Protein backbone atom coordinates (compact mmCIF):
# COMPACT_ATOMS: atom_id res chain seq x y z
CA MET A 1 188.52 211.93 200.05
CA GLY A 2 187.50 213.55 196.84
CA ASN A 3 184.91 212.94 194.14
CA LEU A 4 185.87 213.44 190.48
CA ASP A 5 183.12 214.51 188.13
CA ILE A 6 183.88 215.29 184.45
CA GLN A 7 181.00 216.86 182.48
CA ASN A 8 180.80 217.45 178.72
CA LEU A 9 184.59 217.76 178.36
CA LYS A 10 185.77 218.86 174.95
CA VAL A 11 189.50 219.08 174.13
CA SER A 12 190.91 219.96 170.75
CA PHE A 13 194.37 220.27 169.23
CA HIS A 14 195.09 223.01 166.73
CA THR A 15 197.47 221.67 164.11
CA ARG A 16 198.69 222.58 160.61
CA GLU A 17 196.25 220.11 159.20
CA GLY A 18 193.36 221.65 161.09
CA ILE A 19 191.52 221.15 164.39
CA ILE A 20 191.58 217.68 165.89
CA HIS A 21 188.77 216.96 168.41
CA ALA A 22 190.63 214.57 170.71
CA VAL A 23 187.98 214.52 173.44
CA ASP A 24 184.42 215.25 172.36
CA GLY A 25 181.80 215.61 175.09
CA VAL A 26 183.08 213.14 177.68
CA ASP A 27 181.07 212.52 180.89
CA LEU A 28 182.86 210.53 183.59
CA SER A 29 182.67 210.30 187.36
CA ILE A 30 184.64 208.50 190.06
CA LYS A 31 183.40 208.05 193.62
CA PRO A 32 185.71 207.85 196.66
CA GLY A 33 187.31 204.40 196.84
CA GLU A 34 186.02 203.41 193.39
CA ILE A 35 188.15 201.94 190.60
CA VAL A 36 187.03 202.92 187.09
CA GLY A 37 188.61 201.44 183.97
CA LEU A 38 188.97 203.72 180.92
CA VAL A 39 189.39 201.60 177.82
CA GLY A 40 189.97 202.31 174.14
CA GLU A 41 192.51 202.20 171.36
CA SER A 42 195.34 204.63 170.94
CA GLY A 43 193.92 207.89 169.77
CA SER A 44 190.59 207.40 171.43
CA GLY A 45 191.18 210.20 173.92
CA LYS A 46 192.03 208.27 177.10
CA SER A 47 195.37 209.93 177.93
CA VAL A 48 194.10 213.36 176.89
CA THR A 49 191.23 212.97 179.35
CA CYS A 50 193.69 212.01 182.16
CA ASN A 51 196.05 214.89 181.39
CA SER A 52 193.13 217.30 181.30
CA VAL A 53 192.32 216.50 184.95
CA LEU A 54 195.80 217.70 186.07
CA LYS A 55 196.03 220.38 183.37
CA LEU A 56 199.12 218.79 181.87
CA LEU A 57 198.14 219.31 178.26
CA PRO A 58 200.57 221.30 176.07
CA VAL A 59 198.97 224.72 175.53
CA PRO A 60 199.17 225.42 172.61
CA PRO A 61 198.31 223.32 170.59
CA ALA A 62 195.86 221.77 173.10
CA ARG A 63 192.83 223.69 174.26
CA ILE A 64 189.93 222.79 176.61
CA GLU A 65 187.01 224.12 174.60
CA LYS A 66 184.21 223.29 176.96
CA GLY A 67 183.17 221.35 180.04
CA GLN A 68 183.82 220.97 183.74
CA ILE A 69 186.29 218.89 185.76
CA GLU A 70 185.06 219.05 189.35
CA TRP A 71 187.28 217.79 192.15
CA SER A 72 185.77 217.90 195.64
CA GLY A 73 183.20 220.44 194.37
CA LYS A 74 185.69 222.80 192.68
CA ASP A 75 186.24 223.12 188.92
CA LEU A 76 189.89 222.37 188.18
CA ILE A 77 189.66 224.16 184.82
CA ASP A 78 189.39 227.48 186.70
CA HIS A 79 192.44 226.73 188.87
CA ASP A 80 195.65 228.66 188.23
CA GLU A 81 199.05 226.95 188.03
CA GLN A 82 199.86 227.61 191.70
CA ASN A 83 196.68 225.90 192.90
CA MET A 84 197.27 222.99 190.49
CA GLN A 85 200.77 222.47 191.83
CA ALA A 86 199.34 222.05 195.30
CA ILE A 87 197.01 219.30 193.99
CA ARG A 88 199.41 217.47 191.65
CA GLY A 89 201.23 214.62 193.33
CA LYS A 90 199.45 215.20 196.68
CA GLU A 91 195.67 214.96 196.23
CA ILE A 92 195.84 213.57 192.70
CA SER A 93 198.78 211.53 191.44
CA MET A 94 199.49 210.10 188.01
CA ILE A 95 201.37 207.09 186.78
CA PHE A 96 202.61 207.80 183.29
CA GLN A 97 202.96 205.30 180.48
CA ASP A 98 206.59 205.74 179.53
CA PRO A 99 208.86 205.69 182.63
CA MET A 100 212.07 206.33 180.71
CA SER A 101 210.86 209.68 179.49
CA CYS A 102 209.39 210.61 182.87
CA LEU A 103 212.22 209.72 185.17
CA ASN A 104 215.13 212.16 185.53
CA PRO A 105 218.34 210.45 184.32
CA TYR A 106 220.43 212.69 186.58
CA LEU A 107 218.72 211.73 189.88
CA SER A 108 218.76 208.46 191.66
CA VAL A 109 215.48 206.51 191.69
CA LEU A 110 215.21 206.81 195.47
CA GLU A 111 215.62 210.63 195.36
CA GLN A 112 212.88 210.88 192.74
CA VAL A 113 210.38 208.80 194.70
CA ALA A 114 211.13 210.83 197.85
CA GLU A 115 210.80 214.17 196.01
CA PRO A 116 206.97 214.57 196.13
CA LEU A 117 207.02 214.19 199.94
CA VAL A 118 209.60 217.00 200.23
CA ILE A 119 207.95 219.29 197.68
CA HIS A 120 204.59 219.14 199.46
CA GLY A 121 206.14 219.53 202.87
CA MET A 122 204.90 216.13 204.03
CA ALA A 123 208.27 214.91 205.41
CA SER A 124 211.86 215.90 206.01
CA LEU A 125 214.44 214.78 203.46
CA GLU A 126 215.66 211.93 205.68
CA ASP A 127 212.12 210.75 206.50
CA ALA A 128 211.08 211.11 202.87
CA ARG A 129 213.94 208.84 201.74
CA LYS A 130 212.86 206.28 204.37
CA GLN A 131 209.20 206.36 203.23
CA ALA A 132 210.33 206.20 199.56
CA SER A 133 212.50 203.17 200.25
CA GLU A 134 209.62 201.41 201.99
CA MET A 135 207.24 202.16 199.10
CA LEU A 136 209.78 200.93 196.50
CA VAL A 137 210.15 197.67 198.42
CA ASN A 138 206.34 197.39 198.60
CA VAL A 139 206.09 197.59 194.80
CA GLY A 140 208.81 195.04 194.27
CA VAL A 141 211.93 197.19 193.81
CA GLN A 142 214.01 195.31 196.39
CA ARG A 143 217.22 196.55 194.77
CA VAL A 144 216.91 199.95 196.41
CA VAL A 145 217.87 198.40 199.76
CA ASP A 146 221.35 197.42 198.55
CA HIS A 147 221.71 200.10 195.91
CA PRO A 148 220.04 203.30 197.15
CA HIS A 149 221.98 205.46 194.67
CA ALA A 150 221.01 203.51 191.57
CA TYR A 151 219.93 205.59 188.53
CA PRO A 152 217.02 204.92 186.10
CA HIS A 153 219.31 203.56 183.38
CA GLU A 154 220.42 200.78 185.78
CA PHE A 155 216.86 199.43 186.05
CA SER A 156 214.92 197.21 183.62
CA GLY A 157 211.74 198.56 182.02
CA GLY A 158 209.56 196.68 184.49
CA MET A 159 211.59 198.03 187.46
CA ARG A 160 211.33 201.62 186.11
CA GLN A 161 207.59 201.28 185.79
CA ARG A 162 207.37 200.06 189.41
CA ALA A 163 209.41 203.06 190.45
CA MET A 164 206.90 205.35 188.73
CA ILE A 165 204.09 203.61 190.66
CA ALA A 166 205.96 204.11 193.93
CA MET A 167 206.45 207.76 193.14
CA ALA A 168 202.70 208.21 192.55
CA LEU A 169 201.69 206.35 195.72
CA VAL A 170 204.20 207.65 198.23
CA THR A 171 202.05 210.68 199.14
CA LYS A 172 198.97 208.46 199.62
CA PRO A 173 196.79 210.51 197.23
CA SER A 174 193.00 210.52 197.16
CA LEU A 175 192.84 209.91 193.38
CA LEU A 176 195.29 207.95 191.24
CA LEU A 177 195.36 208.39 187.46
CA ALA A 178 197.04 205.24 186.12
CA ASP A 179 197.78 205.78 182.37
CA GLU A 180 198.73 202.36 180.99
CA PRO A 181 200.78 201.47 184.10
CA THR A 182 201.28 197.84 183.05
CA THR A 183 202.16 198.42 179.36
CA ALA A 184 204.83 196.00 178.17
CA LEU A 185 205.18 194.40 181.64
CA ASP A 186 205.30 190.58 181.87
CA VAL A 187 202.30 188.83 183.36
CA THR A 188 203.83 188.22 186.82
CA VAL A 189 204.84 191.85 187.25
CA GLN A 190 201.52 192.93 185.87
CA ALA A 191 199.68 190.78 188.43
CA LYS A 192 201.85 192.30 191.17
CA VAL A 193 200.96 195.84 190.08
CA LEU A 194 197.26 195.03 189.98
CA SER A 195 197.48 193.50 193.46
CA ILE A 196 199.17 196.66 194.78
CA LEU A 197 196.50 198.88 193.32
CA LYS A 198 193.72 196.70 194.69
CA THR A 199 195.26 196.80 198.20
CA LEU A 200 195.79 200.53 198.06
CA CYS A 201 192.15 201.15 197.08
CA THR A 202 190.86 198.84 199.85
CA ASP A 203 193.14 200.00 202.65
CA LEU A 204 193.29 203.72 202.01
CA GLY A 205 190.09 204.38 200.12
CA VAL A 206 191.98 205.69 197.14
CA SER A 207 190.03 206.20 193.92
CA VAL A 208 191.68 204.95 190.71
CA LEU A 209 191.13 205.84 187.05
CA PHE A 210 192.84 202.87 185.35
CA VAL A 211 193.57 203.55 181.68
CA SER A 212 194.25 200.59 179.46
CA HIS A 213 193.65 199.17 175.98
CA ASP A 214 193.17 195.67 177.43
CA LEU A 215 189.61 194.99 178.60
CA GLY A 216 190.69 191.66 180.04
CA LEU A 217 193.16 193.42 182.30
CA VAL A 218 190.62 196.01 183.39
CA ALA A 219 188.20 193.20 184.37
CA GLU A 220 190.67 192.17 187.11
CA LEU A 221 190.58 195.56 188.76
CA ALA A 222 187.72 197.86 187.88
CA ASP A 223 184.28 198.28 189.44
CA ARG A 224 183.02 200.10 186.41
CA VAL A 225 184.31 200.36 182.82
CA VAL A 226 184.10 203.41 180.53
CA VAL A 227 184.86 202.74 176.83
CA MET A 228 186.03 205.55 174.55
CA TYR A 229 186.12 205.56 170.74
CA ARG A 230 187.29 208.51 168.65
CA GLY A 231 187.01 210.95 171.53
CA LYS A 232 183.57 209.93 172.68
CA VAL A 233 182.28 207.62 175.42
CA VAL A 234 180.40 204.89 173.56
CA GLU A 235 179.50 202.73 176.58
CA GLN A 236 179.93 202.68 180.37
CA ASN A 237 178.59 200.12 182.80
CA HIS A 238 179.56 197.89 185.70
CA THR A 239 182.35 195.52 184.76
CA GLY A 240 180.16 192.46 184.86
CA SER A 241 177.55 193.94 182.54
CA ILE A 242 180.24 195.04 180.03
CA PHE A 243 181.46 191.48 179.65
CA SER A 244 178.16 189.65 179.88
CA ASN A 245 176.13 192.00 177.69
CA PRO A 246 178.15 194.53 175.71
CA GLN A 247 175.94 196.91 173.68
CA HIS A 248 178.16 198.84 171.29
CA PRO A 249 179.82 197.08 168.32
CA TYR A 250 183.16 198.62 169.31
CA VAL A 251 183.00 197.16 172.81
CA LYS A 252 182.09 193.75 171.37
CA ALA A 253 185.12 194.10 169.10
CA LEU A 254 187.57 194.88 171.94
CA ILE A 255 186.38 191.76 173.81
CA ALA A 256 186.57 189.54 170.71
CA CYS A 257 190.06 190.73 169.67
CA ARG A 258 191.72 189.20 172.71
CA PRO A 259 193.63 185.96 172.03
CA THR A 260 192.72 183.66 174.94
CA LEU A 261 194.12 180.41 176.18
CA GLU A 262 190.93 178.43 175.53
CA SER A 263 190.20 179.67 172.02
CA ASN A 264 192.15 178.52 169.00
CA PRO A 265 191.00 180.59 165.99
CA VAL A 266 192.80 180.63 162.66
CA ARG A 267 192.26 184.37 162.49
CA LEU A 268 191.57 186.88 165.22
CA PRO A 269 188.57 189.23 164.76
CA THR A 270 189.42 192.93 164.34
CA VAL A 271 187.52 196.10 165.12
CA ASP A 272 186.83 196.57 161.44
CA ASP A 273 184.93 193.26 161.35
CA PHE A 274 182.45 194.69 163.87
CA MET A 275 182.31 198.30 162.76
CA ASN A 276 182.10 197.34 159.06
CA PRO A 277 180.32 193.92 159.01
CA LYS A 278 181.18 191.64 156.11
CA THR A 279 178.90 189.65 153.95
CA GLY A 280 177.88 186.16 154.87
CA LYS A 281 180.20 184.75 152.22
CA GLU A 282 183.20 186.67 153.58
CA GLN A 283 182.43 185.54 157.10
CA ALA A 284 182.16 181.91 155.99
CA LEU A 285 185.54 182.11 154.32
CA GLU A 286 187.13 183.47 157.49
CA LYS A 287 185.69 180.59 159.53
CA LEU A 288 187.38 177.94 157.39
CA VAL A 289 189.91 176.00 159.42
CA ALA A 290 193.41 175.84 157.91
CA PRO A 291 195.11 172.47 157.93
CA SER A 292 197.29 172.02 161.03
CA LEU A 293 201.00 171.62 160.63
CA ASN A 294 202.31 168.08 161.00
CA LEU A 295 205.41 168.81 163.02
CA ASP A 296 206.72 165.22 162.86
CA SER A 297 206.98 165.49 159.04
CA GLN A 298 208.75 168.87 159.15
CA GLU A 299 212.54 169.00 158.79
CA THR A 300 214.56 170.84 161.42
CA LEU A 301 215.55 174.33 160.19
CA LEU A 302 217.41 175.57 163.26
CA GLN A 303 218.98 173.75 166.18
CA VAL A 304 220.50 175.41 169.23
CA GLU A 305 222.62 173.33 171.67
CA ASN A 306 223.88 174.41 175.11
CA LEU A 307 224.07 178.13 174.21
CA VAL A 308 225.80 180.37 176.75
CA VAL A 309 225.90 184.20 176.58
CA GLU A 310 227.47 186.45 179.20
CA PHE A 311 227.59 190.21 179.59
CA PRO A 312 230.37 191.93 181.57
CA THR A 313 229.31 194.25 184.45
CA GLU A 314 231.01 196.10 187.23
CA ASP A 315 229.91 193.34 189.62
CA GLY A 316 231.26 190.60 187.37
CA PRO A 317 229.84 188.70 184.35
CA VAL A 318 226.09 188.15 184.11
CA ARG A 319 225.04 184.92 182.41
CA ALA A 320 222.01 186.03 180.30
CA VAL A 321 221.64 182.67 178.52
CA ASP A 322 222.72 179.60 180.44
CA GLY A 323 222.94 176.36 178.44
CA ALA A 324 219.80 176.89 176.35
CA SER A 325 218.83 174.26 173.80
CA LEU A 326 215.90 174.26 171.37
CA MET A 327 214.87 172.92 167.95
CA ILE A 328 212.80 174.89 165.44
CA ARG A 329 211.05 173.06 162.58
CA LYS A 330 210.71 174.53 159.11
CA GLY A 331 207.44 176.35 158.47
CA SER A 332 206.51 176.40 162.14
CA THR A 333 206.30 179.01 164.84
CA HIS A 334 208.31 178.37 167.95
CA GLY A 335 207.15 180.47 170.91
CA LEU A 336 209.56 181.70 173.53
CA VAL A 337 208.05 183.00 176.82
CA GLY A 338 209.29 184.14 180.18
CA GLU A 339 209.49 187.14 182.42
CA SER A 340 211.54 190.26 181.64
CA GLY A 341 215.21 189.45 182.20
CA SER A 342 214.77 185.73 181.58
CA GLY A 343 217.04 185.85 178.51
CA LYS A 344 214.47 185.62 175.68
CA THR A 345 215.67 188.58 173.64
CA THR A 346 219.34 187.69 174.19
CA LEU A 347 218.68 184.15 172.97
CA GLY A 348 216.89 185.47 169.88
CA ARG A 349 219.72 187.91 169.11
CA SER A 350 222.42 185.34 169.69
CA ILE A 351 220.79 183.03 167.14
CA LEU A 352 221.25 185.85 164.62
CA HIS A 353 224.76 186.50 165.92
CA LEU A 354 223.80 189.92 167.16
CA ALA A 355 225.11 188.95 170.59
CA GLN A 356 228.49 187.28 171.13
CA LEU A 357 228.32 183.61 172.06
CA MET A 358 230.52 182.30 174.91
CA SER A 359 229.89 178.63 174.08
CA GLY A 360 227.44 176.30 172.46
CA SER A 361 226.46 175.67 168.84
CA ILE A 362 223.83 176.89 166.38
CA LEU A 363 223.02 174.74 163.34
CA TYR A 364 221.08 176.21 160.45
CA GLN A 365 219.84 173.68 157.89
CA GLY A 366 222.08 171.16 159.60
CA LYS A 367 225.29 173.18 159.23
CA PRO A 368 227.17 175.47 161.64
CA ILE A 369 226.78 179.18 160.89
CA ASN A 370 230.03 180.58 159.50
CA LEU A 371 230.38 184.37 159.51
CA ASP A 372 234.09 184.39 158.67
CA HIS A 373 233.67 184.22 154.89
CA PRO A 374 231.92 187.24 153.30
CA ASP A 375 229.73 185.06 151.00
CA ASP A 376 228.53 182.89 153.85
CA ARG A 377 227.87 185.94 156.04
CA SER A 378 225.83 187.63 153.32
CA LYS A 379 223.79 184.48 152.72
CA PHE A 380 223.12 184.11 156.40
CA ARG A 381 222.02 187.72 156.86
CA LYS A 382 219.78 187.45 153.86
CA SER A 383 217.97 184.31 155.03
CA MET A 384 217.50 185.32 158.71
CA GLN A 385 215.83 188.54 159.75
CA ILE A 386 214.37 190.17 162.90
CA ILE A 387 211.34 192.28 163.72
CA PHE A 388 212.28 194.43 166.73
CA GLN A 389 210.05 195.27 169.68
CA ASP A 390 210.01 199.04 169.21
CA PRO A 391 209.02 200.25 165.69
CA TYR A 392 209.79 203.83 166.72
CA ALA A 393 213.43 203.09 167.52
CA SER A 394 214.10 200.59 164.76
CA LEU A 395 213.21 202.86 161.82
CA ASN A 396 215.58 205.58 160.74
CA PRO A 397 213.62 208.87 161.08
CA ARG A 398 215.65 210.46 158.27
CA LEU A 399 214.76 207.90 155.68
CA THR A 400 211.49 207.64 153.77
CA ILE A 401 209.70 204.29 153.71
CA GLU A 402 210.92 203.82 150.13
CA GLN A 403 214.57 204.34 151.18
CA THR A 404 214.11 202.08 154.25
CA LEU A 405 212.84 199.17 152.17
CA LEU A 406 215.28 199.68 149.24
CA GLU A 407 218.38 199.64 151.47
CA PRO A 408 218.41 195.87 152.28
CA MET A 409 217.76 195.00 148.63
CA LYS A 410 220.75 197.05 147.52
CA VAL A 411 222.98 195.49 150.20
CA HIS A 412 222.09 191.94 149.13
CA GLY A 413 221.87 192.60 145.39
CA ILE A 414 218.17 191.86 145.11
CA GLY A 415 216.61 193.13 141.89
CA SER A 416 218.40 193.92 138.65
CA SER A 417 217.39 197.57 138.51
CA ARG A 418 215.90 200.35 140.60
CA LYS A 419 212.59 200.03 138.74
CA GLU A 420 212.40 196.33 139.73
CA ARG A 421 213.23 197.12 143.34
CA ILE A 422 210.59 199.86 143.45
CA GLU A 423 208.03 197.35 142.19
CA ARG A 424 209.11 194.85 144.88
CA VAL A 425 208.74 197.58 147.54
CA ILE A 426 205.21 198.48 146.34
CA ASN A 427 204.22 194.80 146.36
CA LEU A 428 205.61 194.37 149.91
CA LEU A 429 203.67 197.39 151.17
CA GLU A 430 200.47 196.07 149.63
CA GLU A 431 201.20 192.63 151.18
CA VAL A 432 201.33 194.18 154.70
CA GLY A 433 198.15 196.20 154.13
CA LEU A 434 199.64 199.52 153.08
CA GLY A 435 200.09 201.00 149.57
CA GLU A 436 202.15 202.96 147.03
CA GLU A 437 200.91 206.32 148.48
CA TYR A 438 203.01 205.66 151.61
CA LEU A 439 206.35 205.42 149.74
CA HIS A 440 207.57 208.96 150.32
CA ARG A 441 206.40 209.40 153.90
CA TYR A 442 208.66 209.36 156.96
CA PRO A 443 208.18 207.11 160.03
CA HIS A 444 206.79 209.91 162.21
CA GLU A 445 203.85 210.18 159.80
CA PHE A 446 202.54 206.73 160.73
CA SER A 447 200.69 205.21 163.64
CA GLY A 448 202.46 202.58 165.83
CA GLY A 449 200.59 199.74 164.14
CA GLN A 450 201.49 201.07 160.66
CA ARG A 451 205.16 201.43 161.70
CA GLN A 452 205.19 197.81 162.82
CA ARG A 453 203.77 196.77 159.46
CA ILE A 454 206.63 198.62 157.78
CA CYS A 455 209.07 196.75 160.02
CA VAL A 456 207.47 193.51 158.89
CA ALA A 457 207.82 194.56 155.25
CA ARG A 458 211.52 195.46 155.85
CA ALA A 459 212.13 191.97 157.30
CA LEU A 460 210.64 190.47 154.14
CA THR A 461 212.74 192.52 151.69
CA THR A 462 215.51 189.89 151.59
CA GLU A 463 213.03 187.00 151.18
CA PRO A 464 214.14 185.25 154.37
CA GLU A 465 213.29 181.77 155.55
CA PHE A 466 213.55 182.50 159.27
CA ILE A 467 212.39 185.57 161.25
CA VAL A 468 212.84 186.38 164.96
CA CYS A 469 209.74 188.28 166.14
CA ASP A 470 210.98 189.96 169.28
CA GLU A 471 208.01 191.27 171.27
CA CYS A 472 206.76 192.64 167.96
CA VAL A 473 203.18 193.29 169.22
CA SER A 474 204.13 194.41 172.69
CA ALA A 475 202.22 197.48 173.96
CA MET A 476 199.90 197.52 170.92
CA ASP A 477 196.19 198.01 171.17
CA VAL A 478 194.40 194.64 171.08
CA SER A 479 192.80 195.58 167.76
CA VAL A 480 196.11 196.57 166.13
CA GLN A 481 197.73 193.54 167.70
CA ALA A 482 195.10 191.30 166.10
CA GLN A 483 195.83 192.85 162.67
CA VAL A 484 199.60 192.29 162.97
CA LEU A 485 199.17 188.73 164.28
CA ASN A 486 196.79 187.90 161.42
CA LEU A 487 199.27 189.38 158.99
CA LEU A 488 202.16 187.31 160.36
CA ARG A 489 200.15 184.09 160.09
CA SER A 490 199.03 184.95 156.56
CA LEU A 491 202.61 185.73 155.45
CA GLN A 492 203.85 182.51 157.06
CA ALA A 493 201.32 180.48 155.04
CA SER A 494 202.04 182.24 151.74
CA ARG A 495 205.85 182.37 152.09
CA ASN A 496 206.50 179.21 154.16
CA LEU A 497 208.22 181.28 156.82
CA THR A 498 209.62 180.01 160.09
CA TYR A 499 209.25 182.15 163.19
CA LEU A 500 210.85 182.35 166.64
CA PHE A 501 208.11 184.34 168.36
CA ILE A 502 209.25 186.02 171.58
CA SER A 503 206.68 187.45 173.94
CA HIS A 504 205.66 187.86 177.59
CA ASP A 505 201.97 187.59 176.59
CA LEU A 506 201.05 183.95 176.85
CA GLY A 507 197.72 184.37 175.09
CA VAL A 508 199.45 185.79 172.03
CA VAL A 509 202.09 183.07 172.10
CA LYS A 510 199.34 180.43 172.30
CA PHE A 511 197.62 181.85 169.22
CA MET A 512 200.79 182.01 167.16
CA SER A 513 202.85 178.97 168.21
CA ASP A 514 203.07 175.30 167.29
CA GLU A 515 205.73 174.63 169.96
CA ILE A 516 206.73 176.68 172.99
CA SER A 517 209.87 176.98 175.15
CA VAL A 518 209.72 178.60 178.59
CA MET A 519 212.76 180.51 179.87
CA GLN A 520 213.72 181.40 183.45
CA ASN A 521 216.99 182.97 184.55
CA GLY A 522 218.65 182.17 181.23
CA LYS A 523 217.65 178.51 181.23
CA ILE A 524 214.91 176.72 179.26
CA VAL A 525 212.80 175.05 181.91
CA GLU A 526 210.17 173.51 179.64
CA ASN A 527 209.59 172.60 175.99
CA GLY A 528 206.45 171.21 174.43
CA LEU A 529 203.60 171.45 171.96
CA ALA A 530 201.62 174.60 172.52
CA ASP A 531 198.33 172.86 173.45
CA ASP A 532 200.08 170.36 175.74
CA LEU A 533 202.05 173.01 177.59
CA TYR A 534 198.94 175.08 178.33
CA ARG A 535 196.83 172.06 179.26
CA SER A 536 199.32 170.31 181.54
CA PRO A 537 202.43 172.38 182.34
CA LYS A 538 205.24 170.42 183.94
CA SER A 539 207.28 173.25 185.43
CA ASP A 540 206.23 175.18 188.57
CA TYR A 541 207.46 178.32 186.80
CA THR A 542 205.23 177.69 183.79
CA ARG A 543 202.26 177.20 186.14
CA LYS A 544 203.14 180.48 187.86
CA LEU A 545 203.13 182.31 184.53
CA LEU A 546 199.75 180.83 183.55
CA ASN A 547 198.19 181.60 186.91
CA SER A 548 199.28 185.24 186.57
CA ILE A 549 197.21 185.74 183.40
CA PRO A 550 194.04 187.80 184.04
CA LEU A 551 191.04 185.47 184.16
CA ALA A 552 189.32 187.36 181.36
CA ASN A 553 192.26 186.64 179.02
CA ARG A 554 192.04 182.92 179.66
CA SER A 555 188.52 182.37 178.39
CA ALA A 556 186.72 183.81 175.42
CA ASN A 557 183.43 183.42 177.30
CA PHE A 558 184.54 185.15 180.48
CA GLN A 559 181.82 186.71 182.61
CA ILE A 560 182.16 188.49 185.93
CA ASN A 561 179.54 189.13 188.51
CA ARG A 562 180.73 191.90 190.75
CA PRO A 563 178.42 193.83 193.07
CA SER A 564 177.50 197.34 191.98
CA VAL A 565 179.28 200.24 193.62
């Protein structure tokens, strides 16, 4: 068993714009069998610190300027590539954040999980495949038993992430670097992953560096927590002390930004609220409670009845949506929750006629949606929009933000001149917290949170009444997530928008929604008012989802008392 000791680590990136100090004097240690949580927003230096341990940074532009990374008494910085190859995947393994970019599309999942055992001479090919199959089953990839030759593209995102975890664990390493291993996973799979990591640490004495932007999630797992902000460690302490008595304003902000099941704020706090405190008058205004929506008095905007959607496969048709019915009231937010593969996204897309319906009906403003006539189709597309899950994939990298936002206006004949459209674009950017100076930039020049704001602005270009928000804050930092959620609520109030809000994060859905529907295997198993559903769920499946939420994300006043390590 090894001991990791990082001392005064400084890592910089040499770019055209100058030198960026990504990691600036970090001290961090992990004892054998200890689980340490590394927390911070995107850009804080968490992943760079992890990659530095295994010398996986791109050189150039990255450069370790200073410091030591001691593993079992030896400085890894002085190791050559041959020595590092002997350590990577055997003594120290890493679970990467994005499984799709890390898995080889040309190799079966089973072969890839078995590969580390063969490379390090720990097993024959046949025995490696057997051990890999057992590990995949242990992490919940049961499909490998019946389909041992399945490729990564045949797996869901959650299954691919489980495969990455199996690949990292199959060699039974001494240290596991888990870089956002539960990002974008639904709560039940997330709970399963945490359980696996806990068991591994207990049974095998494996040390874990668990990187996450979610302090609530880290509380479930970590013995100690290290918080990074702009390349520096601003606070580290035992998990219980971090939650009961945070010292740094940034740490207080990360805890406060979490939407919890028990709290019901009108506006979520943001990091900026803590790092740049507002005046007493500004704080008082933010605490004002907005009038609650009287759902009984709201007319029905959208009604879905017995919707069925099927997708053809080699093994026969798969029923993604199976007789789903729901009613969405004007000016409200209707939450849609469920595990990955439950049919949430397909239902949202089918409402917009982006997925072909097999049967059922969709009434908009009391009338069936008719896409046969060009005028009706144009009116429908104009009044109903979608904000996609991935802002990277949904923006054209070849178009400037100005071109991106002008395009829907041109298509739908909004604005009498280019000058008027440009003015509308500028106003939209300002409305989502950006400005005129961003007009001529391309998507790659923005952060993930900024890109999602642009996607929100694009959805607003046609002045819609109804917007499908499809996992639109998934995988965001809690601080950025809070900003986008506050923005959506503010826009809803000012524009009288109606949302179908799809998410696997029940805390986020609780914050946003007036009513909630729960989906399982293509069916809606429960409908109800948001508060009622969380207080007294009727379905066993809903109770399962609620019980899978980390305890720290259920209560705003969560405290943990865990013995010191």
